[in-house]
C-alpha atoms as a PDB file:
ATOM      1  CA  UNK A   1      -0.190   0.124  -0.014  1.00  0.00           C
ATOM      2  CA  UNK A   2       1.313   3.499  -0.815  1.00  0.00           C
ATOM      3  CA  UNK A   3      -0.270   6.741  -0.058  1.00  0.00           C
ATOM      4  CA  UNK A   4       2.385   9.421  -1.293  1.00  0.00           C
ATOM      5  CA  UNK A   5       0.054  12.188   0.931  1.00  0.00           C
ATOM      6  CA  UNK A   6       0.838  10.131   3.890  1.00  0.00           C
ATOM      7  CA  UNK A   7       4.523   9.627   2.655  1.00  0.00           C
ATOM      8  CA  UNK A   8       4.095   6.180   4.413  1.00  0.00           C
ATOM      9  CA  UNK A   9       4.425   2.550   2.731  1.00  0.00           C
ATOM     10  CA  UNK A  10       3.392  -0.952   4.156  1.00  0.00           C
ATOM     11  CA  UNK A  11       4.572  -4.084   2.872  1.00  0.00           C
ATOM     12  CA  UNK A  12       2.842  -7.096   4.090  1.00  0.00           C
ATOM     13  CA  UNK A  13       4.466 -10.580   3.975  1.00  0.00           C
ATOM     14  CA  UNK A  14       2.406 -13.691   5.151  1.00  0.00           C
ATOM     15  CA  UNK A  15       4.685 -16.559   6.315  1.00  0.00           C
ATOM     16  CA  UNK A  16       1.902 -19.510   7.141  1.00  0.00           C
ATOM     17  CA  UNK A  17       0.161 -18.026  10.321  1.00  0.00           C
ATOM     18  CA  UNK A  18       2.856 -14.964  10.836  1.00  0.00           C
ATOM     19  CA  UNK A  19       2.328 -11.835   9.065  1.00  0.00           C
ATOM     20  CA  UNK A  20       5.003  -9.126   8.831  1.00  0.00           C
ATOM     21  CA  UNK A  21       4.109  -5.440   8.442  1.00  0.00           C
ATOM     22  CA  UNK A  22       7.048  -3.315   7.257  1.00  0.00           C
ATOM     23  CA  UNK A  23       6.481   0.212   7.801  1.00  0.00           C
ATOM     24  CA  UNK A  24       8.489   2.866   6.003  1.00  0.00           C
ATOM     25  CA  UNK A  25       8.406   6.634   6.327  1.00  0.00           C
ATOM     26  CA  UNK A  26       5.673   8.796   8.925  1.00  0.00           C
ATOM     27  CA  UNK A  27       3.353   6.825  10.864  1.00  0.00           C
ATOM     28  CA  UNK A  28       1.439   9.979  11.887  1.00  0.00           C
ATOM     29  CA  UNK A  29      -2.180  10.955  12.312  1.00  0.00           C
ATOM     30  CA  UNK A  30      -2.517  10.995   8.389  1.00  0.00           C
ATOM     31  CA  UNK A  31      -1.176   7.722   8.205  1.00  0.00           C
ATOM     32  CA  UNK A  32      -2.680   5.941  10.989  1.00  0.00           C
ATOM     33  CA  UNK A  33      -5.825   5.127   9.267  1.00  0.00           C
ATOM     34  CA  UNK A  34      -3.702   3.210   6.399  1.00  0.00           C
ATOM     35  CA  UNK A  35      -2.143   1.212   9.318  1.00  0.00           C
ATOM     36  CA  UNK A  36      -5.451   0.381  10.712  1.00  0.00           C
ATOM     37  CA  UNK A  37      -6.582  -1.024   7.274  1.00  0.00           C
ATOM     38  CA  UNK A  38      -3.566  -2.888   6.947  1.00  0.00           C
ATOM     39  CA  UNK A  39      -4.002  -4.591  10.597  1.00  0.00           C
ATOM     40  CA  UNK A  40      -8.145  -4.860   9.878  1.00  0.00           C
ATOM     41  CA  UNK A  41      -7.091  -6.766   6.334  1.00  0.00           C
ATOM     42  CA  UNK A  42      -4.895  -9.497   8.560  1.00  0.00           C
ATOM     43  CA  UNK A  43      -6.670 -12.873   7.797  1.00  0.00           C
ATOM     44  CA  UNK A  44      -7.991 -14.459  10.869  1.00  0.00           C
ATOM     45  CA  UNK A  45      -5.757 -17.604  10.566  1.00  0.00           C
ATOM     46  CA  UNK A  46      -2.909 -15.189  11.456  1.00  0.00           C
ATOM     47  CA  UNK A  47      -1.678 -15.810  15.083  1.00  0.00           C
ATOM     48  CA  UNK A  48       1.320 -13.647  14.983  1.00  0.00           C
ATOM     49  CA  UNK A  49       2.498 -10.253  13.718  1.00  0.00           C
ATOM     50  CA  UNK A  50       6.170  -8.550  13.354  1.00  0.00           C
ATOM     51  CA  UNK A  51       5.967  -5.007  12.775  1.00  0.00           C
ATOM     52  CA  UNK A  52       9.215  -4.201  11.044  1.00  0.00           C
ATOM     53  CA  UNK A  53       9.974  -0.357  11.834  1.00  0.00           C
ATOM     54  CA  UNK A  54      13.368  -0.497   9.772  1.00  0.00           C
ATOM     55  CA  UNK A  55      12.428   2.203   7.474  1.00  0.00           C
ATOM     56  CA  UNK A  56       9.991   4.080  10.049  1.00  0.00           C
ATOM     57  CA  UNK A  57      11.026   7.799  10.545  1.00  0.00           C
ATOM     58  CA  UNK A  58       8.835   8.947  12.688  1.00  0.00           C
ATOM     59  CA  UNK A  59       5.831   8.000  15.083  1.00  0.00           C
ATOM     60  CA  UNK A  60       2.959   9.859  16.510  1.00  0.00           C
ATOM     61  CA  UNK A  61       0.469   9.109  19.168  1.00  0.00           C
ATOM     62  CA  UNK A  62      -1.875   8.129  16.380  1.00  0.00           C
ATOM     63  CA  UNK A  63       0.671   5.665  15.293  1.00  0.00           C
ATOM     64  CA  UNK A  64       1.494   4.315  19.035  1.00  0.00           C
ATOM     65  CA  UNK A  65      -2.287   4.000  19.077  1.00  0.00           C
ATOM     66  CA  UNK A  66      -2.362   1.513  16.152  1.00  0.00           C
ATOM     67  CA  UNK A  67       0.287  -0.488  17.669  1.00  0.00           C
ATOM     68  CA  UNK A  68      -1.488  -1.122  20.744  1.00  0.00           C
ATOM     69  CA  UNK A  69      -4.695  -1.813  18.629  1.00  0.00           C
ATOM     70  CA  UNK A  70      -2.284  -4.523  16.900  1.00  0.00           C
ATOM     71  CA  UNK A  71      -0.886  -5.627  20.390  1.00  0.00           C
ATOM     72  CA  UNK A  72      -4.683  -6.304  21.544  1.00  0.00           C
ATOM     73  CA  UNK A  73      -5.955  -7.906  18.192  1.00  0.00           C
ATOM     74  CA  UNK A  74      -3.143 -10.491  18.462  1.00  0.00           C
ATOM     75  CA  UNK A  75      -3.632 -11.044  22.177  1.00  0.00           C
ATOM     76  CA  UNK A  76      -0.207  -9.865  22.718  1.00  0.00           C
ATOM     77  CA  UNK A  77       1.593 -11.897  19.876  1.00  0.00           C
ATOM     78  CA  UNK A  78       3.383  -8.849  18.329  1.00  0.00           C
ATOM     79  CA  UNK A  79       7.042  -8.169  17.895  1.00  0.00           C
ATOM     80  CA  UNK A  80       8.552  -4.661  17.012  1.00  0.00           C
ATOM     81  CA  UNK A  81      11.855  -5.057  15.329  1.00  0.00           C
ATOM     82  CA  UNK A  82      14.360  -2.412  13.956  1.00  0.00           C
ATOM     83  CA  UNK A  83      13.212   0.222  16.058  1.00  0.00           C
ATOM     84  CA  UNK A  84      15.560   3.638  15.960  1.00  0.00           C
ATOM     85  CA  UNK A  85      16.565   4.924  19.010  1.00  0.00           C
ATOM     86  CA  UNK A  86      14.410   7.936  18.858  1.00  0.00           C
ATOM     87  CA  UNK A  87      11.354   6.162  17.916  1.00  0.00           C
ATOM     88  CA  UNK A  88      12.173   3.664  20.812  1.00  0.00           C
ATOM     89  CA  UNK A  89      12.492   6.788  23.122  1.00  0.00           C
ATOM     90  CA  UNK A  90       8.761   7.438  22.345  1.00  0.00           C
ATOM     91  CA  UNK A  91       7.741   3.823  23.296  1.00  0.00           C
ATOM     92  CA  UNK A  92       9.876   4.198  26.506  1.00  0.00           C
ATOM     93  CA  UNK A  93       7.859   7.174  27.607  1.00  0.00           C
ATOM     94  CA  UNK A  94       4.739   5.583  26.706  1.00  0.00           C
ATOM     95  CA  UNK A  95       5.901   2.440  29.026  1.00  0.00           C
ATOM     96  CA  UNK A  96       4.935  -0.090  25.846  1.00  0.00           C
ATOM     97  CA  UNK A  97       8.655  -1.127  26.274  1.00  0.00           C
ATOM     98  CA  UNK A  98       7.296  -3.036  29.214  1.00  0.00           C
ATOM     99  CA  UNK A  99       4.603  -4.755  27.593  1.00  0.00           C
ATOM    100  CA  UNK A 100       5.453  -5.065  23.633  1.00  0.00           C
ATOM    101  CA  UNK A 101       8.389  -7.370  23.042  1.00  0.00           C
ATOM    102  CA  UNK A 102      11.042  -5.303  20.753  1.00  0.00           C
ATOM    103  CA  UNK A 103      13.965  -7.208  18.857  1.00  0.00           C
END
């Protein structure tokens, strides 16, 4: 999915019951609906989710809310990978680094 207006791109990869969403650009208020759509579009047989933030440059509170939504939808079976130090500090400020698994 690409939306130039949002300056965010999500690539979805499915491997059996595991989905990976690779997010690039800005996950902000304008892009959050695109993330919600990607999460809502996950098939019911997906039991674990990887959020790969290698290309993520910025995350706002709306983006954090979508990560929390993913965590709840997947009953905690979420791993967030490749988080930059700046974005990790945002997760630490919210306390989510204590709940969500980061690699």
